[in-house]
Amino acid sequence: LFRSAASGSPSASVRFAVSSSMTSTRSVDEIVVEIKRVLDLYVGRGLGYQFNQVSSFTINYMGVAMEMEVCRLPGLSMNGVRLNRMGGDAWQYQAICKELLKHINLKEETVASSSCGD
């Protein structure tokens, strides 16, 4: 994890595999608001989360502990969402990541909020 001291930006700059479903030209603050919106939809389903700092969340859901962080992509004018399993079953972690990312809107244009109905 690399912090950019020269730019004064509070977001982290990190190297990770880039997926279009995890990248955006939106600002860090806009992405954080969108992540909070989706996580709040899952709170009633047993998800617990804590907003740790400027752009990082600790999440506990279905026996999986994980971290979600909004990071600046090096060399690009984009931000990305980095996910990290801290504990729990790897298959369950993968399923949770897919489910959450499916509902997080990282597109620049304004889209009506969608519910996370099964």
C-alpha atoms as a PDB file:
ATOM      1  CA  LEU A   1       0.000   0.000   0.000  1.00  0.00           C
ATOM      2  CA  PHE A   2       1.451   3.330  -1.022  1.00  0.00           C
ATOM      3  CA  ARG A   3       0.277   6.687   0.248  1.00  0.00           C
ATOM      4  CA  SER A   4       0.748   9.718  -1.959  1.00  0.00           C
ATOM      5  CA  ALA A   5       2.281  12.410   0.227  1.00  0.00           C
ATOM      6  CA  ALA A   6       3.183  14.720  -2.681  1.00  0.00           C
ATOM      7  CA  SER A   7      -0.372  15.128  -3.921  1.00  0.00           C
ATOM      8  CA  GLY A   8      -1.816  15.604  -0.458  1.00  0.00           C
ATOM      9  CA  SER A   9      -4.556  13.175  -1.409  1.00  0.00           C
ATOM     10  CA  PRO A  10      -6.016  11.229   1.522  1.00  0.00           C
ATOM     11  CA  SER A  11      -6.730   8.168  -0.642  1.00  0.00           C
ATOM     12  CA  ALA A  12      -4.289   5.323  -0.986  1.00  0.00           C
ATOM     13  CA  SER A  13      -2.508   4.394  -4.171  1.00  0.00           C
ATOM     14  CA  VAL A  14      -2.155   0.673  -4.562  1.00  0.00           C
ATOM     15  CA  ARG A  15      -1.237  -1.927  -7.174  1.00  0.00           C
ATOM     16  CA  PHE A  16      -3.821  -4.634  -7.818  1.00  0.00           C
ATOM     17  CA  ALA A  17      -5.519  -6.396 -10.709  1.00  0.00           C
ATOM     18  CA  VAL A  18      -7.825  -3.950 -12.446  1.00  0.00           C
ATOM     19  CA  SER A  19     -11.390  -4.967 -13.267  1.00  0.00           C
ATOM     20  CA  SER A  20     -13.852  -2.586 -14.904  1.00  0.00           C
ATOM     21  CA  SER A  21     -16.443  -3.468 -12.254  1.00  0.00           C
ATOM     22  CA  MET A  22     -14.047  -2.203  -9.579  1.00  0.00           C
ATOM     23  CA  THR A  23     -12.814   1.045 -11.204  1.00  0.00           C
ATOM     24  CA  SER A  24     -14.328   4.474 -11.664  1.00  0.00           C
ATOM     25  CA  THR A  25     -13.603   8.047 -12.648  1.00  0.00           C
ATOM     26  CA  ARG A  26     -15.818   9.153  -9.732  1.00  0.00           C
ATOM     27  CA  SER A  27     -14.155  10.878  -6.798  1.00  0.00           C
ATOM     28  CA  VAL A  28     -13.120   8.931  -3.705  1.00  0.00           C
ATOM     29  CA  ASP A  29     -15.861  10.680  -1.709  1.00  0.00           C
ATOM     30  CA  GLU A  30     -18.557   9.714  -4.246  1.00  0.00           C
ATOM     31  CA  ILE A  31     -17.427   6.077  -4.234  1.00  0.00           C
ATOM     32  CA  VAL A  32     -17.389   5.993  -0.410  1.00  0.00           C
ATOM     33  CA  VAL A  33     -20.982   7.317  -0.325  1.00  0.00           C
ATOM     34  CA  GLU A  34     -22.042   4.642  -2.838  1.00  0.00           C
ATOM     35  CA  ILE A  35     -20.348   1.861  -0.841  1.00  0.00           C
ATOM     36  CA  LYS A  36     -22.047   3.063   2.362  1.00  0.00           C
ATOM     37  CA  ARG A  37     -25.400   3.054   0.540  1.00  0.00           C
ATOM     38  CA  VAL A  38     -25.001  -0.597  -0.444  1.00  0.00           C
ATOM     39  CA  LEU A  39     -23.581  -1.732   2.904  1.00  0.00           C
ATOM     40  CA  ASP A  40     -26.505  -0.053   4.709  1.00  0.00           C
ATOM     41  CA  LEU A  41     -28.900  -2.170   2.609  1.00  0.00           C
ATOM     42  CA  TYR A  42     -27.250  -5.316   4.019  1.00  0.00           C
ATOM     43  CA  VAL A  43     -27.149  -4.236   7.685  1.00  0.00           C
ATOM     44  CA  GLY A  44     -30.636  -5.681   8.231  1.00  0.00           C
ATOM     45  CA  ARG A  45     -29.381  -8.990   6.820  1.00  0.00           C
ATOM     46  CA  GLY A  46     -26.651  -9.402   9.417  1.00  0.00           C
ATOM     47  CA  LEU A  47     -23.841  -7.382   7.851  1.00  0.00           C
ATOM     48  CA  GLY A  48     -21.783  -5.259  10.195  1.00  0.00           C
ATOM     49  CA  TYR A  49     -19.315  -2.639   9.045  1.00  0.00           C
ATOM     50  CA  GLN A  50     -17.123   0.117  10.360  1.00  0.00           C
ATOM     51  CA  PHE A  51     -15.886   3.105   8.385  1.00  0.00           C
ATOM     52  CA  ASN A  52     -12.246   3.246   9.481  1.00  0.00           C
ATOM     53  CA  GLN A  53     -10.712   6.256   7.817  1.00  0.00           C
ATOM     54  CA  VAL A  54     -11.029   8.450   4.754  1.00  0.00           C
ATOM     55  CA  SER A  55     -11.677   5.552   2.376  1.00  0.00           C
ATOM     56  CA  SER A  56     -11.561   2.208   4.229  1.00  0.00           C
ATOM     57  CA  PHE A  57     -14.239  -0.131   5.608  1.00  0.00           C
ATOM     58  CA  THR A  58     -13.996  -3.231   7.811  1.00  0.00           C
ATOM     59  CA  ILE A  59     -16.867  -5.610   7.052  1.00  0.00           C
ATOM     60  CA  ASN A  60     -18.173  -8.703   8.861  1.00  0.00           C
ATOM     61  CA  TYR A  61     -20.802 -10.775   7.096  1.00  0.00           C
ATOM     62  CA  MET A  62     -21.764 -14.440   7.131  1.00  0.00           C
ATOM     63  CA  GLY A  63     -18.655 -15.468   9.066  1.00  0.00           C
ATOM     64  CA  VAL A  64     -16.270 -13.531   6.806  1.00  0.00           C
ATOM     65  CA  ALA A  65     -14.150 -10.592   7.936  1.00  0.00           C
ATOM     66  CA  MET A  66     -12.961  -8.379   5.099  1.00  0.00           C
ATOM     67  CA  GLU A  67     -11.676  -4.935   4.232  1.00  0.00           C
ATOM     68  CA  MET A  68     -12.894  -2.708   1.409  1.00  0.00           C
ATOM     69  CA  GLU A  69     -10.828   0.327   0.444  1.00  0.00           C
ATOM     70  CA  VAL A  70     -11.121   2.982  -2.258  1.00  0.00           C
ATOM     71  CA  CYS A  71      -7.671   3.474  -3.817  1.00  0.00           C
ATOM     72  CA  ARG A  72      -6.121   5.693  -6.470  1.00  0.00           C
ATOM     73  CA  LEU A  73      -4.925   3.665  -9.472  1.00  0.00           C
ATOM     74  CA  PRO A  74      -1.288   4.492 -10.230  1.00  0.00           C
ATOM     75  CA  GLY A  75      -0.736   6.036 -13.649  1.00  0.00           C
ATOM     76  CA  LEU A  76      -4.468   6.425 -14.345  1.00  0.00           C
ATOM     77  CA  SER A  77      -7.020   9.111 -13.606  1.00  0.00           C
ATOM     78  CA  MET A  78      -9.210   6.544 -11.901  1.00  0.00           C
ATOM     79  CA  ASN A  79     -10.035   5.132  -8.496  1.00  0.00           C
ATOM     80  CA  GLY A  80     -10.536   1.481  -7.666  1.00  0.00           C
ATOM     81  CA  VAL A  81     -12.107  -0.631  -4.948  1.00  0.00           C
ATOM     82  CA  ARG A  82      -9.673  -3.029  -3.266  1.00  0.00           C
ATOM     83  CA  LEU A  83     -11.072  -6.005  -1.367  1.00  0.00           C
ATOM     84  CA  ASN A  84      -9.124  -8.077   1.137  1.00  0.00           C
ATOM     85  CA  ARG A  85     -10.246 -11.150   3.097  1.00  0.00           C
ATOM     86  CA  MET A  86      -9.090 -10.917   6.710  1.00  0.00           C
ATOM     87  CA  GLY A  87     -10.752 -14.138   7.918  1.00  0.00           C
ATOM     88  CA  GLY A  88     -13.402 -16.698   7.134  1.00  0.00           C
ATOM     89  CA  ASP A  89     -14.108 -19.080   4.290  1.00  0.00           C
ATOM     90  CA  ALA A  90     -12.546 -18.139   0.928  1.00  0.00           C
ATOM     91  CA  TRP A  91     -15.543 -19.349  -1.115  1.00  0.00           C
ATOM     92  CA  GLN A  92     -17.974 -17.399   1.049  1.00  0.00           C
ATOM     93  CA  TYR A  93     -15.725 -14.322   0.727  1.00  0.00           C
ATOM     94  CA  GLN A  94     -15.805 -14.614  -3.056  1.00  0.00           C
ATOM     95  CA  ALA A  95     -19.607 -14.892  -3.069  1.00  0.00           C
ATOM     96  CA  ILE A  96     -19.963 -11.855  -0.775  1.00  0.00           C
ATOM     97  CA  CYS A  97     -17.626  -9.769  -2.957  1.00  0.00           C
ATOM     98  CA  LYS A  98     -19.605 -10.622  -6.087  1.00  0.00           C
ATOM     99  CA  GLU A  99     -22.881  -9.801  -4.352  1.00  0.00           C
ATOM    100  CA  LEU A 100     -21.726  -6.436  -2.999  1.00  0.00           C
ATOM    101  CA  LEU A 101     -19.966  -5.361  -6.211  1.00  0.00           C
ATOM    102  CA  LYS A 102     -23.089  -6.234  -8.212  1.00  0.00           C
ATOM    103  CA  HIS A 103     -24.956  -3.444  -6.375  1.00  0.00           C
ATOM    104  CA  ILE A 104     -22.229  -0.798  -6.131  1.00  0.00           C
ATOM    105  CA  ASN A 105     -22.661   1.687  -8.974  1.00  0.00           C
ATOM    106  CA  LEU A 106     -19.259   3.067  -9.963  1.00  0.00           C
ATOM    107  CA  LYS A 107     -20.408   4.624 -13.239  1.00  0.00           C
ATOM    108  CA  GLU A 108     -20.052   8.377 -13.618  1.00  0.00           C
ATOM    109  CA  GLU A 109     -23.617   9.058 -14.767  1.00  0.00           C
ATOM    110  CA  THR A 110     -26.433   9.338 -12.286  1.00  0.00           C
ATOM    111  CA  VAL A 111     -28.477   6.156 -12.073  1.00  0.00           C
ATOM    112  CA  ALA A 112     -31.503   5.549  -9.868  1.00  0.00           C
ATOM    113  CA  SER A 113     -30.632   3.563  -6.760  1.00  0.00           C
ATOM    114  CA  SER A 114     -31.301  -0.140  -7.011  1.00  0.00           C
ATOM    115  CA  SER A 115     -32.378  -2.346  -4.132  1.00  0.00           C
ATOM    116  CA  CYS A 116     -30.542  -5.523  -3.273  1.00  0.00           C
ATOM    117  CA  GLY A 117     -33.546  -7.831  -3.532  1.00  0.00           C
ATOM    118  CA  ASP A 118     -32.827 -11.522  -4.025  1.00  0.00           C
END
